[in-house]
Amino acid sequence: MNLRICLYCLLFVLGTANAVAGGDRSSVMVQTIPLTQRDLSSNITGYGYLTPEPDATLNMNFPIAGRVDQVLVSSGQSVNKGDLLLTVSADPASALNYKQAKNTLSYARAELARQQKLIQQQLTTRSQLDSAVKNLKDAEDAMTIQKRLGAGIMLNKLTAATSGIVTSVSVVPGDRFTSGTNLMQIASVDSLRARLGVEPSDSHLLRPGQAVHLSSVLNGSQVADGKVIWVAGQINSQTQLVDVSVRIKAHGFSPGTRVRGDIVVSRIHQYAVPRQSVLHDEKGSYLFQVVHHIAHRINIIVGLEDKGWVGVQGTFLMNAPVVTLGNYELEDGVLVRESAP
């Protein structure tokens, strides 16, 4: 009998020691975060591509007719302001016009000099002298125009008026062109616009001025912010989506980049928890808060979800943390122990 009592006592002591050394085995290990408020936004997502601003594309041309000698760039190439793009020889007709203007100017100067000598000898009239002065002035104006047109220069060089991307080249060596013909286009990369397509059912929520967060489809770390400029009033017949134009702020994109655009249609400031903190059962949505190592169920109403955070409403316990991991094992009133995140 005494041996049995001693054995029970030994087992009791060992059990107590294990409990002290290992802690309360009935508690649940959880991780928590403070209950805080955040800005949450409701977004509409569209996909599209980047294109230069319409007023940021320059048409490169010559004011006179000519022939292309060399094309030194190709479509898609980056250029800096002042880079040589192509060389052009003057058109024979333009050269002839310049030569005629030059000859007319020489004759007008000589005629004025002759009339000035004759007037001193009283062998001509004042009106003839005035006519010679007028003819010289007209000849000088004609020559000025020819020079501004670039006539008289046998080889012209077309240089980039701005830094950007060559979006099109319309000529090849040997081509002849008329005055003002667009030979190539350069788009400034400082100003880009995103053209997105959104579902027609969402388009009624979009307005000019709404904020847009853009990211590259191929490189999610390449991002930029912008604003909606306009929303098309009809469905694009090719994509069956509604086109949305977005002006971009500072960026590091190139024209033609495929992008995703998250358009902010509403924003609210409220209590928010990570998605994994929210649980559901037949009674509705709920989460757990911890007070003095005890889990308390809090029934909630779920609101907006934004980037892994869920807006919640409920009768919360102020200054009590919210369980983020381990909540699937909890019930109301269960003892918990917290681990470092």
Protein backbone atom coordinates (compact mmCIF):
# COMPACT_ATOMS: atom_id res chain seq x y z
CA MET A 1 0.00 0.00 0.00
CA ASN A 2 2.72 2.40 0.92
CA LEU A 3 4.51 1.55 -2.34
CA ARG A 4 1.41 2.46 -4.38
CA ILE A 5 1.07 5.81 -2.57
CA CYS A 6 4.70 6.62 -3.20
CA LEU A 7 4.30 5.80 -6.88
CA TYR A 8 1.30 8.16 -7.20
CA CYS A 9 3.23 10.91 -5.48
CA LEU A 10 6.18 10.43 -7.83
CA LEU A 11 3.94 10.61 -10.90
CA PHE A 12 2.27 13.78 -9.56
CA VAL A 13 5.63 15.49 -9.00
CA LEU A 14 6.85 14.52 -12.46
CA GLY A 15 3.63 15.79 -14.09
CA THR A 16 3.87 19.10 -12.25
CA ALA A 17 7.51 19.51 -13.27
CA ASN A 18 6.66 18.85 -16.92
CA ALA A 19 3.85 21.37 -16.79
CA VAL A 20 6.17 23.99 -15.32
CA ALA A 21 8.94 23.23 -17.82
CA GLY A 22 6.75 22.96 -20.92
CA GLY A 23 4.02 25.49 -20.11
CA ASP A 24 0.27 25.01 -20.50
CA ARG A 25 -0.18 22.52 -23.33
CA SER A 26 -3.86 23.57 -23.81
CA SER A 27 -2.96 27.08 -25.08
CA VAL A 28 -2.77 27.87 -28.81
CA MET A 29 0.24 29.51 -30.44
CA VAL A 30 -0.78 32.59 -32.49
CA GLN A 31 0.65 35.68 -34.12
CA THR A 32 -1.00 39.09 -33.78
CA ILE A 33 -0.79 42.66 -35.04
CA PRO A 34 -2.22 45.89 -33.61
CA LEU A 35 -5.69 46.93 -34.79
CA THR A 36 -5.19 50.01 -36.96
CA GLN A 37 -6.97 52.12 -39.54
CA ARG A 38 -5.79 52.35 -43.16
CA ASP A 39 -6.70 54.00 -46.44
CA LEU A 40 -8.40 51.43 -48.67
CA SER A 41 -9.38 51.98 -52.27
CA SER A 42 -11.78 50.30 -54.67
CA ASN A 43 -10.09 49.84 -58.04
CA ILE A 44 -11.04 48.99 -61.59
CA THR A 45 -8.27 47.26 -63.52
CA GLY A 46 -7.54 47.75 -67.20
CA TYR A 47 -4.75 46.58 -69.51
CA GLY A 48 -3.18 48.38 -72.43
CA TYR A 49 -0.01 49.99 -73.73
CA LEU A 50 1.92 53.26 -73.63
CA THR A 51 1.98 55.73 -76.49
CA PRO A 52 3.55 59.21 -76.86
CA GLU A 53 1.38 62.22 -76.16
CA PRO A 54 -0.16 63.52 -79.41
CA ASP A 55 1.48 66.93 -78.99
CA ALA A 56 4.84 65.34 -78.10
CA THR A 57 5.38 63.84 -81.58
CA LEU A 58 7.40 65.95 -84.01
CA ASN A 59 7.18 65.68 -87.80
CA MET A 60 10.64 66.17 -89.29
CA ASN A 61 10.65 67.77 -92.76
CA PHE A 62 12.37 70.23 -95.10
CA PRO A 63 10.77 73.44 -96.34
CA ILE A 64 12.10 72.79 -99.87
CA ALA A 65 12.00 69.85 -102.27
CA GLY A 66 15.00 67.57 -102.49
CA ARG A 67 16.43 64.08 -102.67
CA VAL A 68 17.41 61.84 -99.74
CA ASP A 69 21.10 60.94 -99.75
CA GLN A 70 21.54 59.11 -96.42
CA VAL A 71 19.20 57.83 -93.71
CA LEU A 72 21.19 57.45 -90.49
CA VAL A 73 18.48 56.22 -88.07
CA SER A 74 15.75 53.59 -88.05
CA SER A 75 12.32 53.27 -86.49
CA GLY A 76 12.48 52.54 -82.75
CA GLN A 77 15.94 54.05 -82.31
CA SER A 78 16.65 56.44 -79.42
CA VAL A 79 18.13 59.80 -80.41
CA ASN A 80 19.37 62.86 -78.55
CA LYS A 81 18.68 66.44 -79.46
CA GLY A 82 21.05 67.51 -82.24
CA ASP A 83 21.78 63.99 -83.54
CA LEU A 84 22.11 63.74 -87.33
CA LEU A 85 19.10 61.94 -88.81
CA LEU A 86 19.58 62.15 -92.59
CA THR A 87 21.24 64.16 -95.35
CA VAL A 88 19.44 65.69 -98.34
CA SER A 89 20.53 67.17 -101.65
CA ALA A 90 18.66 70.22 -102.87
CA ASP A 91 16.17 69.76 -105.67
CA PRO A 92 17.38 71.16 -109.05
CA ALA A 93 14.31 73.37 -109.27
CA SER A 94 15.08 74.85 -105.86
CA ALA A 95 18.67 75.42 -106.92
CA LEU A 96 17.40 77.18 -110.06
CA ASN A 97 15.11 79.43 -108.02
CA TYR A 98 18.02 80.34 -105.78
CA LYS A 99 20.25 81.11 -108.78
CA GLN A 100 17.56 83.29 -110.35
CA ALA A 101 17.08 85.17 -107.09
CA LYS A 102 20.83 85.67 -106.84
CA ASN A 103 21.05 86.98 -110.41
CA THR A 104 18.09 89.29 -109.83
CA LEU A 105 19.76 90.69 -106.74
CA SER A 106 23.03 91.33 -108.60
CA TYR A 107 21.19 93.07 -111.44
CA ALA A 108 19.15 95.21 -108.99
CA ARG A 109 22.31 96.36 -107.22
CA ALA A 110 24.02 97.24 -110.49
CA GLU A 111 20.94 99.07 -111.78
CA LEU A 112 20.65 101.10 -108.59
CA ALA A 113 24.32 102.08 -108.82
CA ARG A 114 23.80 103.15 -112.49
CA GLN A 115 20.70 105.20 -111.64
CA GLN A 116 22.58 106.94 -108.80
CA LYS A 117 25.32 108.01 -111.24
CA LEU A 118 22.77 109.18 -113.81
CA ILE A 119 20.85 111.22 -111.26
CA GLN A 120 24.07 113.05 -110.39
CA GLN A 121 24.51 113.85 -114.10
CA GLN A 122 20.85 114.80 -114.35
CA LEU A 123 20.41 112.15 -117.04
CA THR A 124 17.55 110.27 -115.28
CA THR A 125 14.47 111.05 -113.24
CA ARG A 126 13.78 110.70 -109.52
CA SER A 127 11.03 108.17 -110.25
CA GLN A 128 13.49 105.92 -112.12
CA LEU A 129 15.87 106.10 -109.14
CA ASP A 130 13.04 105.25 -106.72
CA SER A 131 12.05 102.33 -108.94
CA ALA A 132 15.63 101.01 -108.82
CA VAL A 133 15.62 101.28 -105.01
CA LYS A 134 12.34 99.36 -104.83
CA ASN A 135 13.61 96.67 -107.19
CA LEU A 136 16.69 96.16 -105.03
CA LYS A 137 14.57 95.87 -101.89
CA ASP A 138 12.34 93.26 -103.56
CA ALA A 139 15.38 91.30 -104.76
CA GLU A 140 16.89 91.31 -101.26
CA ASP A 141 13.61 90.07 -99.75
CA ALA A 142 13.41 87.27 -102.34
CA MET A 143 16.98 86.22 -101.56
CA THR A 144 16.22 86.23 -97.81
CA ILE A 145 13.26 83.92 -98.39
CA GLN A 146 15.37 81.55 -100.50
CA LYS A 147 17.99 81.36 -97.75
CA ARG A 148 15.35 80.68 -95.11
CA LEU A 149 14.04 77.89 -97.31
CA GLY A 150 17.52 76.42 -97.40
CA ALA A 151 18.02 77.02 -101.11
CA GLY A 152 21.56 77.46 -102.31
CA ILE A 153 22.93 74.85 -99.97
CA MET A 154 23.81 71.80 -101.99
CA LEU A 155 23.71 69.42 -99.00
CA ASN A 156 21.29 69.79 -96.09
CA LYS A 157 21.46 67.94 -92.78
CA LEU A 158 18.34 67.05 -90.79
CA THR A 159 19.02 66.89 -87.05
CA ALA A 160 16.80 65.86 -84.15
CA ALA A 161 14.93 68.80 -82.67
CA THR A 162 14.39 66.94 -79.38
CA SER A 163 15.49 63.81 -77.56
CA GLY A 164 13.18 60.85 -78.00
CA ILE A 165 12.34 57.76 -80.01
CA VAL A 166 12.16 57.62 -83.80
CA THR A 167 8.64 56.26 -84.29
CA SER A 168 8.61 56.19 -88.10
CA VAL A 169 10.89 56.74 -91.10
CA SER A 170 9.05 57.43 -94.36
CA VAL A 171 11.95 57.59 -96.83
CA VAL A 172 14.97 55.63 -98.06
CA PRO A 173 18.10 56.88 -99.85
CA GLY A 174 17.27 58.05 -103.36
CA ASP A 175 13.69 59.14 -102.60
CA ARG A 176 12.63 62.53 -103.88
CA PHE A 177 10.22 64.62 -101.85
CA THR A 178 8.30 67.85 -102.17
CA SER A 179 8.44 70.86 -99.91
CA GLY A 180 7.07 70.16 -96.42
CA THR A 181 6.91 66.36 -96.81
CA ASN A 182 7.23 64.57 -93.45
CA LEU A 183 10.35 62.43 -93.65
CA MET A 184 10.23 60.91 -90.15
CA GLN A 185 8.64 61.31 -86.72
CA ILE A 186 10.26 61.61 -83.30
CA ALA A 187 8.28 61.11 -80.11
CA SER A 188 9.49 62.68 -76.89
CA VAL A 189 9.68 60.05 -74.14
CA ASP A 190 9.18 62.72 -71.47
CA SER A 191 5.43 62.67 -72.13
CA LEU A 192 3.64 59.35 -72.48
CA ARG A 193 0.01 58.36 -72.31
CA ALA A 194 -1.49 54.99 -71.37
CA ARG A 195 -4.37 53.63 -73.39
CA LEU A 196 -6.23 51.08 -71.28
CA GLY A 197 -9.19 48.83 -71.97
CA VAL A 198 -11.76 48.20 -69.22
CA GLU A 199 -14.91 46.08 -69.09
CA PRO A 200 -17.97 47.98 -70.39
CA SER A 201 -19.87 47.13 -67.19
CA ASP A 202 -17.27 49.08 -65.15
CA SER A 203 -16.89 52.11 -67.43
CA HIS A 204 -19.80 54.06 -65.89
CA LEU A 205 -17.74 54.35 -62.67
CA LEU A 206 -14.85 56.10 -64.39
CA ARG A 207 -14.35 59.87 -64.53
CA PRO A 208 -11.57 62.22 -65.72
CA GLY A 209 -9.20 63.08 -62.89
CA GLN A 210 -9.30 59.71 -61.13
CA ALA A 211 -5.91 58.46 -59.92
CA VAL A 212 -4.32 55.51 -61.71
CA HIS A 213 -1.44 53.28 -60.62
CA LEU A 214 0.39 51.76 -63.59
CA SER A 215 2.77 48.82 -63.65
CA SER A 216 4.55 46.97 -66.43
CA VAL A 217 2.97 43.63 -67.31
CA LEU A 218 6.44 42.08 -67.71
CA ASN A 219 8.14 43.87 -64.80
CA GLY A 220 5.89 44.56 -61.84
CA SER A 221 8.57 46.68 -60.13
CA GLN A 222 8.40 49.24 -62.96
CA VAL A 223 5.58 51.53 -61.87
CA ALA A 224 4.20 55.03 -62.39
CA ASP A 225 1.20 57.11 -61.35
CA GLY A 226 -1.18 59.04 -63.56
CA LYS A 227 -4.70 60.41 -63.97
CA VAL A 228 -7.61 59.59 -66.25
CA ILE A 229 -7.92 62.12 -69.10
CA TRP A 230 -10.97 60.76 -70.87
CA VAL A 231 -13.21 57.72 -71.05
CA ALA A 232 -14.53 56.62 -74.44
CA GLY A 233 -18.28 56.80 -74.91
CA GLN A 234 -18.44 53.62 -76.97
CA ILE A 235 -17.06 50.09 -77.04
CA ASN A 236 -13.95 49.44 -79.10
CA SER A 237 -15.07 47.18 -81.95
CA GLN A 238 -11.77 45.28 -81.97
CA THR A 239 -11.22 44.67 -78.25
CA GLN A 240 -14.88 44.82 -77.09
CA LEU A 241 -13.62 46.97 -74.20
CA VAL A 242 -14.02 50.66 -73.37
CA ASP A 243 -10.88 52.72 -74.00
CA VAL A 244 -9.52 54.90 -71.19
CA SER A 245 -6.72 57.43 -71.72
CA VAL A 246 -4.32 58.09 -68.83
CA ARG A 247 -1.68 60.83 -68.62
CA ILE A 248 1.44 59.65 -66.80
CA LYS A 249 3.59 61.63 -64.39
CA ALA A 250 7.33 60.94 -63.90
CA HIS A 251 8.20 57.50 -65.27
CA GLY A 252 10.91 55.28 -66.72
CA PHE A 253 8.83 53.53 -69.36
CA SER A 254 9.36 53.27 -73.11
CA PRO A 255 6.63 53.74 -75.73
CA GLY A 256 4.83 50.50 -76.54
CA THR A 257 5.23 48.98 -73.05
CA ARG A 258 2.30 46.76 -72.06
CA VAL A 259 0.90 47.94 -68.74
CA ARG A 260 -1.72 47.21 -66.11
CA GLY A 261 -3.63 50.17 -64.74
CA ASP A 262 -5.49 50.18 -61.40
CA ILE A 263 -7.97 53.06 -61.48
CA VAL A 264 -9.10 54.31 -58.06
CA VAL A 265 -12.88 54.81 -58.12
CA SER A 266 -13.37 55.24 -54.36
CA ARG A 267 -11.26 55.51 -51.21
CA ILE A 268 -12.17 55.08 -47.52
CA HIS A 269 -10.28 55.31 -44.20
CA GLN A 270 -11.33 52.56 -41.77
CA TYR A 271 -10.17 49.70 -39.59
CA ALA A 272 -8.42 47.09 -41.71
CA VAL A 273 -6.88 43.68 -41.05
CA PRO A 274 -4.91 41.22 -43.22
CA ARG A 275 -7.12 38.92 -45.30
CA GLN A 276 -6.09 35.84 -43.29
CA SER A 277 -7.42 37.40 -40.08
CA VAL A 278 -11.03 37.17 -41.32
CA LEU A 279 -12.91 33.89 -40.76
CA HIS A 280 -16.41 32.83 -41.75
CA ASP A 281 -19.04 30.43 -40.40
CA GLU A 282 -22.82 30.06 -40.40
CA LYS A 283 -23.10 33.10 -38.13
CA GLY A 284 -21.14 35.35 -40.50
CA SER A 285 -17.68 36.89 -40.61
CA TYR A 286 -15.52 37.26 -37.52
CA LEU A 287 -11.98 37.68 -36.18
CA PHE A 288 -10.18 37.16 -32.89
CA GLN A 289 -8.64 39.75 -30.58
CA VAL A 290 -6.45 38.89 -27.60
CA VAL A 291 -6.86 40.34 -24.09
CA HIS A 292 -4.67 38.95 -21.25
CA HIS A 293 -3.82 35.85 -23.32
CA ILE A 294 -7.50 35.06 -23.93
CA ALA A 295 -8.96 34.97 -27.47
CA HIS A 296 -12.21 36.89 -27.97
CA ARG A 297 -14.40 36.40 -31.02
CA ILE A 298 -15.49 39.66 -32.65
CA ASN A 299 -18.27 39.55 -35.23
CA ILE A 300 -17.57 41.90 -38.12
CA ILE A 301 -18.93 43.30 -41.36
CA VAL A 302 -16.44 42.99 -44.21
CA GLY A 303 -15.88 45.99 -46.51
CA LEU A 304 -13.34 46.90 -49.22
CA GLU A 305 -10.37 44.67 -49.92
CA ASP A 306 -7.19 46.32 -51.15
CA LYS A 307 -3.75 44.75 -51.62
CA GLY A 308 -4.30 41.99 -49.06
CA TRP A 309 -6.05 44.22 -46.48
CA VAL A 310 -9.76 43.98 -45.69
CA GLY A 311 -11.87 46.82 -44.30
CA VAL A 312 -13.86 45.68 -41.25
CA GLN A 313 -16.58 47.08 -39.00
CA GLY A 314 -17.51 45.73 -35.56
CA THR A 315 -17.51 46.28 -31.81
CA PHE A 316 -13.78 46.04 -31.35
CA LEU A 317 -11.77 45.79 -28.14
CA MET A 318 -9.62 48.91 -28.19
CA ASN A 319 -5.85 48.40 -27.89
CA ALA A 320 -6.29 44.64 -28.24
CA PRO A 321 -4.24 42.99 -31.01
CA VAL A 322 -5.82 40.99 -33.83
CA VAL A 323 -4.85 37.37 -34.49
CA THR A 324 -3.34 36.88 -37.96
CA LEU A 325 -1.98 33.30 -37.75
CA GLY A 326 -3.30 30.38 -35.73
CA ASN A 327 -6.87 31.70 -35.71
CA TYR A 328 -8.30 28.55 -37.34
CA GLU A 329 -7.60 26.64 -34.11
CA LEU A 330 -9.30 29.21 -31.86
CA GLU A 331 -12.64 29.40 -30.14
CA ASP A 332 -14.01 32.19 -28.01
CA GLY A 333 -12.29 32.19 -24.60
CA VAL A 334 -9.38 29.93 -25.56
CA LEU A 335 -6.04 30.55 -23.86
CA VAL A 336 -3.36 31.69 -26.35
CA ARG A 337 0.33 32.38 -26.32
CA GLU A 338 1.84 34.81 -28.81
CA SER A 339 4.93 34.21 -30.94
CA ALA A 340 7.06 36.81 -32.61
CA PRO A 341 6.05 37.43 -36.27
